[in-house]
Amino acid sequence: MLGQSNFYKAIRQFAVQTPVWGTAIRYRTTPDESYDLTLTSRRVYGTPDEYLAIMAAAGLDTFDQEMTERDLVLPTQADLEKIKAQTGYESPSLPSIR
């Protein structure tokens, strides 16, 4: 749980402190993502597993909190992996729906 908390804080800090010219993914959320962070994760990272990174970048307190349309600043895949290594966090694999 400590790794998850540290990961959330690191992603939130990244989202708030990365300058416009910095290396990051800038993503505009859409209405269909309001209550589905896994959808945003799938669109940005190609997997639903990075929903906690989406939640942290959006500054949401809980998974079921509405994410209104907004611009997110997210780490690139390489930066995301570095943050995971630094915080000891491993994204849980969600079961695939077929």
N, C-alpha and C. Protein backbone atom coordinates (compact mmCIF):
# COMPACT_ATOMS: atom_id res chain seq x y z
N MET A 1 0.82 -1.19 0.00
CA MET A 1 0.00 0.00 0.00
C MET A 1 0.87 1.26 0.00
N LEU A 2 2.02 1.19 0.67
CA LEU A 2 2.92 2.33 0.71
C LEU A 2 3.41 2.67 -0.69
N GLY A 3 3.72 1.64 -1.50
CA GLY A 3 4.14 1.87 -2.87
C GLY A 3 3.06 2.57 -3.67
N GLN A 4 1.81 2.20 -3.44
CA GLN A 4 0.68 2.82 -4.14
C GLN A 4 0.56 4.28 -3.75
N SER A 5 0.68 4.58 -2.49
CA SER A 5 0.58 5.96 -2.00
C SER A 5 1.72 6.82 -2.56
N ASN A 6 2.92 6.28 -2.52
CA ASN A 6 4.07 7.02 -3.06
C ASN A 6 3.95 7.22 -4.57
N PHE A 7 3.43 6.20 -5.27
CA PHE A 7 3.22 6.29 -6.71
C PHE A 7 2.21 7.41 -7.02
N TYR A 8 1.09 7.41 -6.29
CA TYR A 8 0.06 8.44 -6.49
C TYR A 8 0.68 9.83 -6.31
N LYS A 9 1.42 10.01 -5.24
CA LYS A 9 2.03 11.31 -4.96
C LYS A 9 3.02 11.72 -6.04
N ALA A 10 3.82 10.76 -6.52
CA ALA A 10 4.81 11.06 -7.55
C ALA A 10 4.15 11.44 -8.88
N ILE A 11 3.09 10.74 -9.24
CA ILE A 11 2.37 11.06 -10.48
C ILE A 11 1.68 12.42 -10.34
N ARG A 12 1.09 12.67 -9.20
CA ARG A 12 0.42 13.96 -8.98
C ARG A 12 1.43 15.10 -9.08
N GLN A 13 2.58 14.92 -8.47
CA GLN A 13 3.64 15.92 -8.52
C GLN A 13 4.09 16.13 -9.97
N PHE A 14 4.25 15.05 -10.71
CA PHE A 14 4.63 15.14 -12.12
C PHE A 14 3.60 15.96 -12.89
N ALA A 15 2.32 15.66 -12.69
CA ALA A 15 1.25 16.33 -13.42
C ALA A 15 1.19 17.83 -13.11
N VAL A 16 1.46 18.19 -11.88
CA VAL A 16 1.37 19.58 -11.47
C VAL A 16 2.62 20.37 -11.84
N GLN A 17 3.79 19.73 -11.78
CA GLN A 17 5.03 20.47 -11.93
C GLN A 17 5.67 20.41 -13.33
N THR A 18 5.18 19.54 -14.20
CA THR A 18 5.78 19.45 -15.54
C THR A 18 5.40 20.67 -16.36
N PRO A 19 6.37 21.44 -16.82
CA PRO A 19 6.06 22.64 -17.60
C PRO A 19 5.49 22.28 -18.97
N VAL A 20 4.85 23.24 -19.57
CA VAL A 20 4.23 23.04 -20.87
C VAL A 20 5.22 22.49 -21.89
N TRP A 21 6.45 22.93 -21.82
CA TRP A 21 7.45 22.48 -22.78
C TRP A 21 8.14 21.18 -22.36
N GLY A 22 7.79 20.67 -21.20
CA GLY A 22 8.42 19.45 -20.70
C GLY A 22 7.95 18.21 -21.45
N THR A 23 8.69 17.14 -21.29
CA THR A 23 8.34 15.88 -21.93
C THR A 23 7.23 15.21 -21.14
N ALA A 24 6.07 15.13 -21.76
CA ALA A 24 4.91 14.53 -21.12
C ALA A 24 3.86 14.25 -22.18
N ILE A 25 2.88 13.47 -21.80
CA ILE A 25 1.71 13.25 -22.65
C ILE A 25 0.65 14.22 -22.18
N ARG A 26 0.12 14.97 -23.10
CA ARG A 26 -0.98 15.87 -22.79
C ARG A 26 -2.24 15.29 -23.42
N TYR A 27 -3.24 15.06 -22.59
CA TYR A 27 -4.43 14.34 -23.04
C TYR A 27 -5.68 15.06 -22.56
N ARG A 28 -6.61 15.29 -23.46
CA ARG A 28 -7.90 15.91 -23.12
C ARG A 28 -8.92 14.80 -22.92
N THR A 29 -9.49 14.70 -21.73
CA THR A 29 -10.46 13.66 -21.45
C THR A 29 -11.77 13.96 -22.17
N THR A 30 -12.57 12.92 -22.34
CA THR A 30 -13.84 13.03 -23.03
C THR A 30 -14.98 12.61 -22.09
N PRO A 31 -16.21 13.00 -22.40
CA PRO A 31 -17.33 12.70 -21.50
C PRO A 31 -17.51 11.21 -21.18
N ASP A 32 -17.20 10.31 -22.13
CA ASP A 32 -17.38 8.89 -21.86
C ASP A 32 -16.37 8.33 -20.87
N GLU A 33 -15.38 9.13 -20.49
CA GLU A 33 -14.37 8.69 -19.53
C GLU A 33 -14.68 9.17 -18.10
N SER A 34 -15.78 9.87 -17.92
CA SER A 34 -16.11 10.49 -16.63
C SER A 34 -16.03 9.54 -15.45
N TYR A 35 -16.52 8.32 -15.61
CA TYR A 35 -16.52 7.35 -14.52
C TYR A 35 -15.75 6.09 -14.88
N ASP A 36 -14.90 6.16 -15.89
CA ASP A 36 -14.14 4.98 -16.30
C ASP A 36 -12.68 5.36 -16.56
N LEU A 37 -11.90 5.37 -15.50
CA LEU A 37 -10.48 5.71 -15.61
C LEU A 37 -9.72 4.68 -16.42
N THR A 38 -10.23 3.44 -16.47
CA THR A 38 -9.56 2.42 -17.26
C THR A 38 -9.66 2.73 -18.75
N LEU A 39 -10.73 3.40 -19.17
CA LEU A 39 -10.88 3.78 -20.58
C LEU A 39 -9.82 4.81 -20.96
N THR A 40 -9.60 5.79 -20.10
CA THR A 40 -8.55 6.78 -20.33
C THR A 40 -7.19 6.10 -20.38
N SER A 41 -6.96 5.20 -19.43
CA SER A 41 -5.70 4.46 -19.38
C SER A 41 -5.48 3.67 -20.66
N ARG A 42 -6.52 3.04 -21.14
CA ARG A 42 -6.41 2.25 -22.38
C ARG A 42 -6.07 3.15 -23.57
N ARG A 43 -6.69 4.32 -23.62
CA ARG A 43 -6.45 5.24 -24.74
C ARG A 43 -5.05 5.85 -24.70
N VAL A 44 -4.56 6.12 -23.51
CA VAL A 44 -3.25 6.76 -23.38
C VAL A 44 -2.11 5.74 -23.42
N TYR A 45 -2.25 4.66 -22.64
CA TYR A 45 -1.14 3.70 -22.47
C TYR A 45 -1.37 2.35 -23.16
N GLY A 46 -2.56 2.16 -23.74
CA GLY A 46 -2.83 0.90 -24.43
C GLY A 46 -3.22 -0.24 -23.51
N THR A 47 -3.46 0.05 -22.24
CA THR A 47 -3.86 -0.95 -21.26
C THR A 47 -4.74 -0.28 -20.20
N PRO A 48 -5.70 -1.00 -19.65
CA PRO A 48 -6.54 -0.41 -18.59
C PRO A 48 -5.84 -0.36 -17.24
N ASP A 49 -4.68 -0.99 -17.12
CA ASP A 49 -3.99 -1.18 -15.85
C ASP A 49 -3.42 0.09 -15.21
N GLU A 50 -3.30 1.17 -15.97
CA GLU A 50 -2.67 2.39 -15.44
C GLU A 50 -3.70 3.41 -14.94
N TYR A 51 -4.85 2.92 -14.48
CA TYR A 51 -5.91 3.80 -14.01
C TYR A 51 -5.48 4.64 -12.80
N LEU A 52 -4.59 4.13 -11.96
CA LEU A 52 -4.14 4.92 -10.81
C LEU A 52 -3.33 6.13 -11.26
N ALA A 53 -2.56 5.99 -12.32
CA ALA A 53 -1.82 7.13 -12.86
C ALA A 53 -2.80 8.19 -13.38
N ILE A 54 -3.88 7.76 -14.02
CA ILE A 54 -4.90 8.69 -14.51
C ILE A 54 -5.56 9.39 -13.33
N MET A 55 -5.92 8.62 -12.33
CA MET A 55 -6.56 9.17 -11.14
C MET A 55 -5.67 10.22 -10.47
N ALA A 56 -4.40 9.92 -10.33
CA ALA A 56 -3.47 10.84 -9.68
C ALA A 56 -3.28 12.10 -10.51
N ALA A 57 -3.09 11.95 -11.82
CA ALA A 57 -2.88 13.12 -12.68
C ALA A 57 -4.11 14.03 -12.66
N ALA A 58 -5.29 13.43 -12.55
CA ALA A 58 -6.53 14.22 -12.52
C ALA A 58 -6.78 14.82 -11.14
N GLY A 59 -6.05 14.35 -10.13
CA GLY A 59 -6.24 14.87 -8.77
C GLY A 59 -7.50 14.34 -8.10
N LEU A 60 -7.93 13.15 -8.51
CA LEU A 60 -9.13 12.55 -7.92
C LEU A 60 -8.77 11.85 -6.62
N ASP A 61 -9.71 11.87 -5.67
CA ASP A 61 -9.48 11.26 -4.36
C ASP A 61 -9.89 9.79 -4.32
N THR A 62 -10.89 9.42 -5.14
CA THR A 62 -11.39 8.05 -5.16
C THR A 62 -11.62 7.61 -6.60
N PHE A 63 -11.70 6.29 -6.79
CA PHE A 63 -11.90 5.73 -8.13
C PHE A 63 -13.27 6.05 -8.69
N ASP A 64 -14.25 6.21 -7.81
CA ASP A 64 -15.61 6.45 -8.30
C ASP A 64 -15.97 7.93 -8.39
N GLN A 65 -15.01 8.79 -8.14
CA GLN A 65 -15.24 10.24 -8.27
C GLN A 65 -15.29 10.60 -9.75
N GLU A 66 -16.21 11.48 -10.12
CA GLU A 66 -16.35 11.88 -11.52
C GLU A 66 -15.13 12.66 -11.99
N MET A 67 -14.64 12.29 -13.16
CA MET A 67 -13.55 13.04 -13.79
C MET A 67 -14.18 13.89 -14.89
N THR A 68 -14.37 15.14 -14.60
CA THR A 68 -14.93 16.03 -15.59
C THR A 68 -13.94 16.20 -16.73
N GLU A 69 -14.41 16.70 -17.87
CA GLU A 69 -13.50 16.92 -18.99
C GLU A 69 -12.39 17.87 -18.54
N ARG A 70 -11.17 17.49 -18.85
CA ARG A 70 -10.02 18.28 -18.44
C ARG A 70 -8.80 17.87 -19.25
N ASP A 71 -7.78 18.69 -19.18
CA ASP A 71 -6.50 18.37 -19.80
C ASP A 71 -5.62 17.72 -18.74
N LEU A 72 -5.10 16.55 -19.06
CA LEU A 72 -4.21 15.85 -18.14
C LEU A 72 -2.77 15.94 -18.63
N VAL A 73 -1.86 16.01 -17.69
CA VAL A 73 -0.43 15.93 -17.98
C VAL A 73 0.03 14.61 -17.39
N LEU A 74 0.42 13.69 -18.28
CA LEU A 74 0.78 12.34 -17.88
C LEU A 74 2.22 12.01 -18.27
N PRO A 75 2.87 11.17 -17.48
CA PRO A 75 4.23 10.76 -17.86
C PRO A 75 4.21 9.89 -19.10
N THR A 76 5.26 9.97 -19.88
CA THR A 76 5.42 9.05 -21.00
C THR A 76 5.53 7.65 -20.43
N GLN A 77 5.44 6.65 -21.28
CA GLN A 77 5.57 5.26 -20.82
C GLN A 77 6.91 5.04 -20.11
N ALA A 78 7.97 5.61 -20.67
CA ALA A 78 9.30 5.46 -20.05
C ALA A 78 9.36 6.14 -18.69
N ASP A 79 8.81 7.33 -18.58
CA ASP A 79 8.79 8.03 -17.30
C ASP A 79 7.89 7.32 -16.29
N LEU A 80 6.79 6.76 -16.77
CA LEU A 80 5.89 6.01 -15.90
C LEU A 80 6.63 4.82 -15.28
N GLU A 81 7.39 4.11 -16.10
CA GLU A 81 8.15 2.96 -15.60
C GLU A 81 9.21 3.40 -14.58
N LYS A 82 9.86 4.54 -14.81
CA LYS A 82 10.84 5.07 -13.85
C LYS A 82 10.18 5.39 -12.52
N ILE A 83 9.01 6.03 -12.59
CA ILE A 83 8.29 6.39 -11.36
C ILE A 83 7.88 5.13 -10.60
N LYS A 84 7.44 4.12 -11.32
CA LYS A 84 7.08 2.85 -10.67
C LYS A 84 8.29 2.25 -9.96
N ALA A 85 9.43 2.25 -10.64
CA ALA A 85 10.65 1.68 -10.04
C ALA A 85 11.06 2.47 -8.80
N GLN A 86 10.97 3.78 -8.87
CA GLN A 86 11.37 4.64 -7.74
C GLN A 86 10.45 4.47 -6.54
N THR A 87 9.18 4.20 -6.79
CA THR A 87 8.20 4.13 -5.69
C THR A 87 7.88 2.69 -5.28
N GLY A 88 8.41 1.73 -6.01
CA GLY A 88 8.13 0.33 -5.67
C GLY A 88 6.71 -0.09 -5.98
N TYR A 89 6.10 0.56 -6.95
CA TYR A 89 4.70 0.27 -7.30
C TYR A 89 4.64 -0.61 -8.54
N GLU A 90 3.71 -1.54 -8.51
CA GLU A 90 3.48 -2.40 -9.67
C GLU A 90 1.98 -2.35 -9.97
N SER A 91 1.63 -1.94 -11.19
CA SER A 91 0.22 -1.84 -11.56
C SER A 91 -0.43 -3.21 -11.55
N PRO A 92 -1.61 -3.29 -10.94
CA PRO A 92 -2.31 -4.58 -10.94
C PRO A 92 -2.84 -4.85 -12.35
N SER A 93 -2.84 -6.09 -12.75
CA SER A 93 -3.41 -6.46 -14.04
C SER A 93 -4.90 -6.70 -13.84
N LEU A 94 -5.68 -5.97 -14.60
CA LEU A 94 -7.13 -6.16 -14.54
C LEU A 94 -7.51 -7.32 -15.44
N PRO A 95 -8.54 -8.06 -15.06
CA PRO A 95 -8.98 -9.15 -15.93
C PRO A 95 -9.54 -8.57 -17.24
N SER A 96 -9.24 -9.22 -18.34
CA SER A 96 -9.74 -8.73 -19.62
C SER A 96 -11.18 -9.15 -19.81
N ILE A 97 -11.94 -8.26 -20.42
CA ILE A 97 -13.35 -8.53 -20.70
C ILE A 97 -13.47 -8.85 -22.19
N ARG A 98 -14.05 -9.95 -22.49
CA ARG A 98 -14.17 -10.36 -23.90
C ARG A 98 -15.58 -10.49 -24.30
